PDB file of N, CA and C in Angstrom:
ATOM      1  N   MET A   1       1.244  -1.251  -0.010  1.00  0.00           N
ATOM      2  CA  MET A   1      -0.102  -0.443   0.184  1.00  0.00           C
ATOM      3  C   MET A   1       0.650   1.417   0.034  1.00  0.00           C
ATOM      4  N   PHE A   2       1.832   1.106   0.721  1.00  0.00           N
ATOM      5  CA  PHE A   2       3.765   1.752   0.347  1.00  0.00           C
ATOM      6  C   PHE A   2       3.668   2.246  -0.175  1.00  0.00           C
ATOM      7  N   SER A   3       4.202   1.400  -1.362  1.00  0.00           N
ATOM      8  CA  SER A   3       4.574   1.341  -2.721  1.00  0.00           C
ATOM      9  C   SER A   3       3.257   2.100  -3.890  1.00  0.00           C
ATOM     10  N   ILE A   4       2.239   1.258  -3.802  1.00  0.00           N
ATOM     11  CA  ILE A   4       1.137   2.480  -4.928  1.00  0.00           C
ATOM     12  C   ILE A   4       1.352   4.067  -4.042  1.00  0.00           C
ATOM     13  N   VAL A   5       0.710   4.620  -2.790  1.00  0.00           N
ATOM     14  CA  VAL A   5       1.336   6.193  -2.535  1.00  0.00           C
ATOM     15  C   VAL A   5       2.453   6.650  -2.553  1.00  0.00           C
ATOM     16  N   GLY A   6       3.363   5.999  -2.275  1.00  0.00           N
ATOM     17  CA  GLY A   6       4.805   7.007  -2.490  1.00  0.00           C
ATOM     18  C   GLY A   6       4.668   6.884  -3.979  1.00  0.00           C
ATOM     19  N   THR A   7       5.027   5.917  -4.951  1.00  0.00           N
ATOM     20  CA  THR A   7       4.823   5.936  -6.521  1.00  0.00           C
ATOM     21  C   THR A   7       3.565   7.111  -7.624  1.00  0.00           C
ATOM     22  N   MET A   8       2.937   7.256  -6.422  1.00  0.00           N
ATOM     23  CA  MET A   8       1.868   8.490  -6.995  1.00  0.00           C
ATOM     24  C   MET A   8       2.367   9.420  -6.245  1.00  0.00           C
ATOM     25  N   LEU A   9       2.524   9.425  -4.719  1.00  0.00           N
ATOM     26  CA  LEU A   9       3.154  11.244  -5.112  1.00  0.00           C
ATOM     27  C   LEU A   9       3.959  11.399  -5.154  1.00  0.00           C
ATOM     28  N   THR A  10       5.498  10.671  -5.487  1.00  0.00           N
ATOM     29  CA  THR A  10       6.178  10.713  -6.524  1.00  0.00           C
ATOM     30  C   THR A  10       5.848  11.142  -7.942  1.00  0.00           C
ATOM     31  N   GLY A  11       4.661  10.895  -8.472  1.00  0.00           N
ATOM     32  CA  GLY A  11       4.399  11.263  -9.971  1.00  0.00           C
ATOM     33  C   GLY A  11       3.900  12.244  -9.790  1.00  0.00           C
ATOM     34  N   VAL A  12       3.333  12.728  -9.168  1.00  0.00           N
ATOM     35  CA  VAL A  12       2.852  14.197  -8.205  1.00  0.00           C
ATOM     36  C   VAL A  12       3.579  14.929  -8.727  1.00  0.00           C
ATOM     37  N   THR A  13       4.564  15.323  -7.870  1.00  0.00           N
ATOM     38  CA  THR A  13       6.075  16.340  -7.090  1.00  0.00           C
ATOM     39  C   THR A  13       6.655  16.061  -8.547  1.00  0.00           C
ATOM     40  N   ILE A  14       6.965  15.844  -9.354  1.00  0.00           N
ATOM     41  CA  ILE A  14       7.481  14.872 -10.627  1.00  0.00           C
ATOM     42  C   ILE A  14       7.380  15.990 -11.486  1.00  0.00           C
ATOM     43  N   GLY A  15       5.501  15.723 -11.505  1.00  0.00           N
ATOM     44  CA  GLY A  15       4.603  16.186 -12.697  1.00  0.00           C
ATOM     45  C   GLY A  15       4.693  17.864 -12.276  1.00  0.00           C
ATOM     46  N   TYR A  16       4.620  18.017 -10.739  1.00  0.00           N
ATOM     47  CA  TYR A  16       4.342  19.126 -10.675  1.00  0.00           C
ATOM     48  C   TYR A  16       5.747  19.934 -10.681  1.00  0.00           C
ATOM     49  N   LEU A  17       7.082  19.331 -10.405  1.00  0.00           N
ATOM     50  CA  LEU A  17       8.655  20.205 -11.326  1.00  0.00           C
ATOM     51  C   LEU A  17       8.041  20.596 -12.426  1.00  0.00           C
ATOM     52  N   PHE A  18       7.957  20.190 -13.354  1.00  0.00           N
ATOM     53  CA  PHE A  18       7.867  20.025 -14.206  1.00  0.00           C
ATOM     54  C   PHE A  18       6.840  19.757 -15.824  1.00  0.00           C
ATOM     55  N   ARG A  19       6.075  20.907 -14.726  1.00  0.00           N
ATOM     56  CA  ARG A  19       4.201  21.292 -15.328  1.00  0.00           C
ATOM     57  C   ARG A  19       4.764  22.343 -15.913  1.00  0.00           C
ATOM     58  N   ASN A  20       5.671  23.330 -16.924  1.00  0.00           N
ATOM     59  CA  ASN A  20       6.080  24.062 -17.161  1.00  0.00           C
ATOM     60  C   ASN A  20       6.115  23.413 -18.536  1.00  0.00           C
ATOM     61  N   ILE A  21       6.506  22.150 -19.175  1.00  0.00           N
ATOM     62  CA  ILE A  21       6.755  21.577 -20.131  1.00  0.00           C
ATOM     63  C   ILE A  21       5.895  21.046 -21.248  1.00  0.00           C
ATOM     64  N   SER A  22       5.836  21.524 -22.738  1.00  0.00           N
ATOM     65  CA  SER A  22       5.085  21.895 -23.391  1.00  0.00           C
ATOM     66  C   SER A  22       4.383  20.364 -23.669  1.00  0.00           C
ATOM     67  N   PHE A  23       5.219  19.099 -23.115  1.00  0.00           N
ATOM     68  CA  PHE A  23       5.240  18.385 -24.053  1.00  0.00           C
ATOM     69  C   PHE A  23       3.965  17.880 -22.647  1.00  0.00           C
ATOM     70  N   LEU A  24       4.510  17.642 -21.561  1.00  0.00           N
ATOM     71  CA  LEU A  24       3.481  17.572 -20.008  1.00  0.00           C
ATOM     72  C   LEU A  24       1.982  18.050 -19.945  1.00  0.00           C
ATOM     73  N   GLN A  25       2.333  19.186 -20.973  1.00  0.00           N
ATOM     74  CA  GLN A  25       1.058  19.527 -20.553  1.00  0.00           C
ATOM     75  C   GLN A  25       0.330  18.674 -21.539  1.00  0.00           C
ATOM     76  N   HIS A  26       0.217  18.115 -22.244  1.00  0.00           N
ATOM     77  CA  HIS A  26      -1.166  17.636 -23.943  1.00  0.00           C
ATOM     78  C   HIS A  26      -1.010  16.347 -23.590  1.00  0.00           C
ATOM     79  N   THR A  27      -1.169  15.701 -22.429  1.00  0.00           N
ATOM     80  CA  THR A  27      -0.860  14.149 -22.138  1.00  0.00           C
ATOM     81  C   THR A  27      -2.039  13.927 -21.936  1.00  0.00           C
ATOM     82  N   GLU A  28      -3.596  14.953 -21.570  1.00  0.00           N
ATOM     83  CA  GLU A  28      -5.219  13.810 -21.458  1.00  0.00           C
ATOM     84  C   GLU A  28      -5.540  12.601 -22.204  1.00  0.00           C
ATOM     85  N   LYS A  29      -4.908  13.110 -23.237  1.00  0.00           N
ATOM     86  CA  LYS A  29      -5.849  12.468 -24.112  1.00  0.00           C
ATOM     87  C   LYS A  29      -5.069  10.363 -24.079  1.00  0.00           C
ATOM     88  N   SER A  30      -4.229  10.083 -24.141  1.00  0.00           N
ATOM     89  CA  SER A  30      -3.450   9.741 -24.152  1.00  0.00           C
ATOM     90  C   SER A  30      -3.141   8.805 -22.206  1.00  0.00           C
ATOM     91  N   ILE A  31      -3.341   9.986 -21.514  1.00  0.00           N
ATOM     92  CA  ILE A  31      -3.739   9.200 -20.222  1.00  0.00           C
ATOM     93  C   ILE A  31      -4.992   8.056 -20.212  1.00  0.00           C
ATOM     94  N   SER A  32      -6.426   8.888 -21.267  1.00  0.00           N
ATOM     95  CA  SER A  32      -7.795   8.293 -20.978  1.00  0.00           C
ATOM     96  C   SER A  32      -7.533   6.707 -21.879  1.00  0.00           C
ATOM     97  N   CYS A  33      -6.898   7.231 -22.842  1.00  0.00           N
ATOM     98  CA  CYS A  33      -6.292   5.569 -24.361  1.00  0.00           C
ATOM     99  C   CYS A  33      -5.437   5.081 -23.242  1.00  0.00           C
ATOM    100  N   THR A  34      -5.071   5.304 -22.522  1.00  0.00           N
ATOM    101  CA  THR A  34      -4.266   4.314 -21.884  1.00  0.00           C
ATOM    102  C   THR A  34      -4.834   3.198 -19.936  1.00  0.00           C
ATOM    103  N   ILE A  35      -6.272   4.537 -19.519  1.00  0.00           N
ATOM    104  CA  ILE A  35      -6.726   4.510 -18.143  1.00  0.00           C
ATOM    105  C   ILE A  35      -7.463   3.263 -19.150  1.00  0.00           C
ATOM    106  N   LEU A  36      -8.881   3.308 -20.568  1.00  0.00           N
ATOM    107  CA  LEU A  36      -9.472   2.409 -20.666  1.00  0.00           C
ATOM    108  C   LEU A  36      -8.321   1.310 -21.277  1.00  0.00           C
ATOM    109  N   LEU A  37      -7.822   0.913 -21.511  1.00  0.00           N
ATOM    110  CA  LEU A  37      -7.042   0.283 -21.622  1.00  0.00           C
ATOM    111  C   LEU A  37      -6.765  -0.872 -20.883  1.00  0.00           C
ATOM    112  N   LEU A  38      -6.205  -0.335 -19.918  1.00  0.00           N
ATOM    113  CA  LEU A  38      -6.199  -0.935 -18.288  1.00  0.00           C
ATOM    114  C   LEU A  38      -7.507  -1.412 -18.185  1.00  0.00           C
ATOM    115  N   LEU A  39      -8.711  -1.348 -18.482  1.00  0.00           N
ATOM    116  CA  LEU A  39     -10.337  -1.717 -17.741  1.00  0.00           C
ATOM    117  C   LEU A  39     -10.349  -2.571 -18.609  1.00  0.00           C
ATOM    118  N   PHE A  40     -10.049  -2.474 -19.829  1.00  0.00           N
ATOM    119  CA  PHE A  40     -10.061  -4.023 -21.666  1.00  0.00           C
ATOM    120  C   PHE A  40      -9.505  -5.003 -20.729  1.00  0.00           C
ATOM    121  N   ILE A  41      -7.902  -4.657 -19.549  1.00  0.00           N
ATOM    122  CA  ILE A  41      -7.510  -6.020 -19.619  1.00  0.00           C
ATOM    123  C   ILE A  41      -7.565  -6.042 -17.682  1.00  0.00           C
ATOM    124  N   LEU A  42      -8.474  -5.477 -17.755  1.00  0.00           N
ATOM    125  CA  LEU A  42      -8.714  -6.324 -16.264  1.00  0.00           C
ATOM    126  C   LEU A  42      -9.750  -6.829 -17.036  1.00  0.00           C
ATOM    127  N   GLY A  43     -10.628  -6.513 -17.141  1.00  0.00           N
ATOM    128  CA  GLY A  43     -12.383  -7.764 -17.614  1.00  0.00           C
ATOM    129  C   GLY A  43     -11.786  -9.018 -18.592  1.00  0.00           C
ATOM    130  N   LEU A  44     -10.326  -8.479 -19.084  1.00  0.00           N
ATOM    131  CA  LEU A  44      -9.777  -9.444 -20.080  1.00  0.00           C
ATOM    132  C   LEU A  44      -9.564 -10.629 -18.778  1.00  0.00           C
ATOM    133  N   SER A  45      -9.163 -10.494 -17.950  1.00  0.00           N
ATOM    134  CA  SER A  45      -8.433 -10.982 -16.863  1.00  0.00           C
ATOM    135  C   SER A  45      -9.604 -11.360 -15.692  1.00  0.00           C
ATOM    136  N   ILE A  46     -10.450 -10.602 -15.706  1.00  0.00           N
ATOM    137  CA  ILE A  46     -11.667 -11.223 -14.712  1.00  0.00           C
ATOM    138  C   ILE A  46     -12.143 -12.199 -15.458  1.00  0.00           C
ATOM    139  N   GLY A  47     -12.804 -11.918 -16.599  1.00  0.00           N
ATOM    140  CA  GLY A  47     -13.558 -12.694 -17.747  1.00  0.00           C
ATOM    141  C   GLY A  47     -12.999 -14.339 -17.677  1.00  0.00           C
ATOM    142  N   SER A  48     -11.192 -14.610 -17.591  1.00  0.00           N
ATOM    143  CA  SER A  48     -10.817 -15.130 -17.833  1.00  0.00           C
ATOM    144  C   SER A  48     -10.744 -16.321 -17.012  1.00  0.00           C
ATOM    145  N   ASN A  49     -11.824 -15.774 -15.520  1.00  0.00           N
ATOM    146  CA  ASN A  49     -11.050 -16.393 -14.277  1.00  0.00           C
ATOM    147  C   ASN A  49     -12.158 -17.646 -14.300  1.00  0.00           C
ATOM    148  N   GLU A  50     -12.024 -18.340 -13.913  1.00  0.00           N
ATOM    149  CA  GLU A  50     -13.540 -19.602 -14.014  1.00  0.00           C
ATOM    150  C   GLU A  50     -14.148 -19.026 -12.355  1.00  0.00           C
ATOM    151  N   GLN A  51     -13.793 -18.907 -11.372  1.00  0.00           N
ATOM    152  CA  GLN A  51     -14.175 -19.150 -10.244  1.00  0.00           C
ATOM    153  C   GLN A  51     -14.409 -18.287  -9.947  1.00  0.00           C
ATOM    154  N   ILE A  52     -14.272 -16.263 -10.813  1.00  0.00           N
ATOM    155  CA  ILE A  52     -14.888 -15.082 -10.377  1.00  0.00           C
ATOM    156  C   ILE A  52     -16.360 -15.579 -11.172  1.00  0.00           C
ATOM    157  N   ILE A  53     -15.581 -16.172 -12.312  1.00  0.00           N
ATOM    158  CA  ILE A  53     -17.681 -16.109 -12.803  1.00  0.00           C
ATOM    159  C   ILE A  53     -18.477 -17.404 -12.453  1.00  0.00           C
ATOM    160  N   GLY A  54     -17.644 -18.655 -11.819  1.00  0.00           N
ATOM    161  CA  GLY A  54     -18.754 -19.565 -11.284  1.00  0.00           C
ATOM    162  C   GLY A  54     -19.114 -18.485 -10.009  1.00  0.00           C
ATOM    163  N   ASN A  55     -19.109 -17.651  -8.903  1.00  0.00           N
ATOM    164  CA  ASN A  55     -19.420 -17.009  -7.647  1.00  0.00           C
ATOM    165  C   ASN A  55     -20.021 -16.007  -8.373  1.00  0.00           C
ATOM    166  N   LEU A  56     -20.490 -15.482  -9.828  1.00  0.00           N
ATOM    167  CA  LEU A  56     -20.706 -13.578 -10.499  1.00  0.00           C
ATOM    168  C   LEU A  56     -21.348 -14.044  -9.242  1.00  0.00           C
ATOM    169  N   ALA A  57     -23.119 -14.811  -9.536  1.00  0.00           N
ATOM    170  CA  ALA A  57     -24.336 -14.697  -8.473  1.00  0.00           C
ATOM    171  C   ALA A  57     -24.564 -14.335  -7.169  1.00  0.00           C
ATOM    172  N   ALA A  58     -22.729 -14.931  -7.180  1.00  0.00           N
ATOM    173  CA  ALA A  58     -22.919 -14.753  -4.896  1.00  0.00           C
ATOM    174  C   ALA A  58     -22.517 -12.765  -5.064  1.00  0.00           C
ATOM    175  N   PHE A  59     -20.619 -12.808  -5.703  1.00  0.00           N
ATOM    176  CA  PHE A  59     -20.913 -11.395  -5.761  1.00  0.00           C
ATOM    177  C   PHE A  59     -21.436 -10.851  -6.604  1.00  0.00           C
ATOM    178  N   GLY A  60     -21.862 -11.284  -7.366  1.00  0.00           N
ATOM    179  CA  GLY A  60     -22.722  -9.986  -8.603  1.00  0.00           C
ATOM    180  C   GLY A  60     -23.528  -9.010  -7.253  1.00  0.00           C
ATOM    181  N   TRP A  61     -24.503  -9.875  -6.970  1.00  0.00           N
ATOM    182  CA  TRP A  61     -25.667  -8.067  -6.091  1.00  0.00           C
ATOM    183  C   TRP A  61     -24.233  -7.975  -4.567  1.00  0.00           C
ATOM    184  N   GLN A  62     -23.926  -8.132  -4.857  1.00  0.00           N
ATOM    185  CA  GLN A  62     -22.861  -7.305  -3.132  1.00  0.00           C
ATOM    186  C   GLN A  62     -22.437  -6.671  -4.089  1.00  0.00           C
ATOM    187  N   ALA A  63     -21.545  -6.707  -4.850  1.00  0.00           N
ATOM    188  CA  ALA A  63     -20.738  -5.669  -5.978  1.00  0.00           C
ATOM    189  C   ALA A  63     -21.690  -4.736  -6.750  1.00  0.00           C
ATOM    190  N   ALA A  64     -22.810  -5.182  -7.336  1.00  0.00           N
ATOM    191  CA  ALA A  64     -23.549  -3.809  -8.046  1.00  0.00           C
ATOM    192  C   ALA A  64     -23.919  -3.043  -6.496  1.00  0.00           C
ATOM    193  N   ILE A  65     -24.251  -3.911  -5.179  1.00  0.00           N
ATOM    194  CA  ILE A  65     -24.676  -2.207  -4.208  1.00  0.00           C
ATOM    195  C   ILE A  65     -23.684  -1.769  -3.890  1.00  0.00           C
ATOM    196  N   LEU A  66     -22.220  -2.100  -3.855  1.00  0.00           N
ATOM    197  CA  LEU A  66     -21.078  -1.627  -3.621  1.00  0.00           C
ATOM    198  C   LEU A  66     -20.885  -0.691  -4.397  1.00  0.00           C
ATOM    199  N   ALA A  67     -21.437  -0.574  -5.448  1.00  0.00           N
ATOM    200  CA  ALA A  67     -20.852  -0.674  -6.973  1.00  0.00           C
ATOM    201  C   ALA A  67     -22.166   1.049  -6.643  1.00  0.00           C
ATOM    202  N   VAL A  68     -23.356   0.790  -6.473  1.00  0.00           N
ATOM    203  CA  VAL A  68     -24.552   1.814  -6.285  1.00  0.00           C
ATOM    204  C   VAL A  68     -24.019   2.534  -5.526  1.00  0.00           C
ATOM    205  N   SER A  69     -23.809   2.062  -3.874  1.00  0.00           N
ATOM    206  CA  SER A  69     -22.974   3.382  -3.256  1.00  0.00           C
ATOM    207  C   SER A  69     -22.346   3.943  -3.082  1.00  0.00           C
ATOM    208  N   ALA A  70     -21.385   3.737  -3.653  1.00  0.00           N
ATOM    209  CA  ALA A  70     -20.403   4.036  -3.560  1.00  0.00           C
ATOM    210  C   ALA A  70     -20.613   5.452  -4.620  1.00  0.00           C
ATOM    211  N   THR A  71     -20.908   5.225  -5.979  1.00  0.00           N
ATOM    212  CA  THR A  71     -21.863   6.366  -7.058  1.00  0.00           C
ATOM    213  C   THR A  71     -22.334   6.896  -5.974  1.00  0.00           C
ATOM    214  N   CYS A  72     -23.426   6.732  -4.986  1.00  0.00           N
ATOM    215  CA  CYS A  72     -24.260   7.617  -5.251  1.00  0.00           C
ATOM    216  C   CYS A  72     -24.072   8.340  -3.802  1.00  0.00           C
ATOM    217  N   GLY A  73     -23.041   8.307  -3.119  1.00  0.00           N
ATOM    218  CA  GLY A  73     -22.360   8.211  -2.619  1.00  0.00           C
ATOM    219  C   GLY A  73     -21.118   9.885  -2.878  1.00  0.00           C
ATOM    220  N   SER A  74     -20.202   9.369  -3.899  1.00  0.00           N
ATOM    221  CA  SER A  74     -19.806  10.481  -4.624  1.00  0.00           C
ATOM    222  C   SER A  74     -20.722  12.106  -5.412  1.00  0.00           C
ATOM    223  N   ILE A  75     -21.308  10.350  -5.911  1.00  0.00           N
ATOM    224  CA  ILE A  75     -22.586  11.977  -6.392  1.00  0.00           C
ATOM    225  C   ILE A  75     -22.999  13.367  -5.464  1.00  0.00           C
ATOM    226  N   LEU A  76     -23.175  13.262  -4.000  1.00  0.00           N
ATOM    227  CA  LEU A  76     -23.086  13.453  -3.603  1.00  0.00           C
ATOM    228  C   LEU A  76     -22.583  14.300  -2.550  1.00  0.00           C
ATOM    229  N   ALA A  77     -21.055  14.076  -1.992  1.00  0.00           N
ATOM    230  CA  ALA A  77     -20.268  14.511  -1.134  1.00  0.00           C
ATOM    231  C   ALA A  77     -20.805  15.285  -2.859  1.00  0.00           C
ATOM    232  N   SER A  78     -19.900  15.277  -4.071  1.00  0.00           N
ATOM    233  CA  SER A  78     -20.414  16.582  -4.739  1.00  0.00           C
ATOM    234  C   SER A  78     -20.653  17.720  -5.113  1.00  0.00           C
ATOM    235  N   TRP A  79     -21.996  17.559  -4.668  1.00  0.00           N
ATOM    236  CA  TRP A  79     -23.021  18.424  -4.966  1.00  0.00           C
ATOM    237  C   TRP A  79     -22.888  18.790  -4.275  1.00  0.00           C
ATOM    238  N   MET A  80     -22.575  18.555  -2.882  1.00  0.00           N
ATOM    239  CA  MET A  80     -22.128  19.272  -1.344  1.00  0.00           C
ATOM    240  C   MET A  80     -21.081  20.094  -1.690  1.00  0.00           C
ATOM    241  N   VAL A  81     -19.961  19.719  -1.949  1.00  0.00           N
ATOM    242  CA  VAL A  81     -18.844  20.606  -1.822  1.00  0.00           C
ATOM    243  C   VAL A  81     -19.410  22.108  -3.858  1.00  0.00           C
ATOM    244  N   LEU A  82     -20.118  21.340  -4.159  1.00  0.00           N
ATOM    245  CA  LEU A  82     -20.477  22.836  -5.014  1.00  0.00           C
ATOM    246  C   LEU A  82     -21.315  23.160  -4.086  1.00  0.00           C
ATOM    247  N   LYS A  83     -22.385  22.987  -3.320  1.00  0.00           N
ATOM    248  CA  LYS A  83     -22.551  23.909  -3.193  1.00  0.00           C
ATOM    249  C   LYS A  83     -22.000  24.516  -2.374  1.00  0.00           C
ATOM    250  N   LEU A  84     -21.370  23.864  -1.179  1.00  0.00           N
ATOM    251  CA  LEU A  84     -20.710  24.545  -0.586  1.00  0.00           C
ATOM    252  C   LEU A  84     -19.600  26.116  -0.363  1.00  0.00           C
ATOM    253  N   PHE A  85     -19.072  25.598  -1.415  1.00  0.00           N
ATOM    254  CA  PHE A  85     -17.975  26.289  -1.878  1.00  0.00           C
ATOM    255  C   PHE A  85     -17.510  26.603  -3.167  1.00  0.00           C
ATOM    256  N   PHE A  86     -18.620  26.489  -3.716  1.00  0.00           N
ATOM    257  CA  PHE A  86     -18.550  27.324  -5.483  1.00  0.00           C
ATOM    258  C   PHE A  86     -20.517  27.929  -5.318  1.00  0.00           C
ATOM    259  N   ALA A  87     -20.719  28.288  -5.187  1.00  0.00           N
ATOM    260  CA  ALA A  87     -21.908  28.735  -4.864  1.00  0.00           C
ATOM    261  C   ALA A  87     -21.262  30.531  -4.920  1.00  0.00           C
ATOM    262  N   LYS A  88     -22.371  30.461  -6.147  1.00  0.00           N
ATOM    263  CA  LYS A  88     -22.384  31.769  -6.670  1.00  0.00           C
ATOM    264  C   LYS A  88     -23.476  32.439  -6.265  1.00  0.00           C
ATOM    265  N   GLY A  89     -23.601  34.442  -5.627  1.00  0.00           N
ATOM    266  CA  GLY A  89     -24.468  35.254  -5.171  1.00  0.00           C
ATOM    267  C   GLY A  89     -24.150  35.502  -3.852  1.00  0.00           C
ATOM    268  N   GLY A  90     -23.665  34.750  -3.179  1.00  0.00           N
ATOM    269  CA  GLY A  90     -23.476  34.618  -1.501  1.00  0.00           C
ATOM    270  C   GLY A  90     -24.265  33.897  -0.887  1.00  0.00           C
ATOM    271  N   LYS A  91     -24.790  34.604   0.747  1.00  0.00           N
ATOM    272  CA  LYS A  91     -25.538  34.195   1.190  1.00  0.00           C
ATOM    273  C   LYS A  91     -26.918  34.949   0.631  1.00  0.00           C
ATOM    274  N   LYS A  92     -28.784  35.169   0.900  1.00  0.00           N
ATOM    275  CA  LYS A  92     -29.505  35.447   0.533  1.00  0.00           C
ATOM    276  C   LYS A  92     -30.647  35.608   1.512  1.00  0.00           C
TER     277      LYS A  92
END
């Protein structure tokens, strides 16, 4: 866990130090493509795992409930941040 967080913080630090390089300012599209490729490969590995596919009925509902709960929580939190910190016009 520490190696993952450390790697991410190292990337953030290097990105901050080299933020004025024009090449690094145009990486959004390549990052999106890379994430999509990683998700596709993750789907391939899950689909080829017989144990996961065999237990999909048992794990499916739990995963769906967790995913919906996480999505609803993220939407609620972002809405609260929008209303609290980015409200226009001040208090009425």
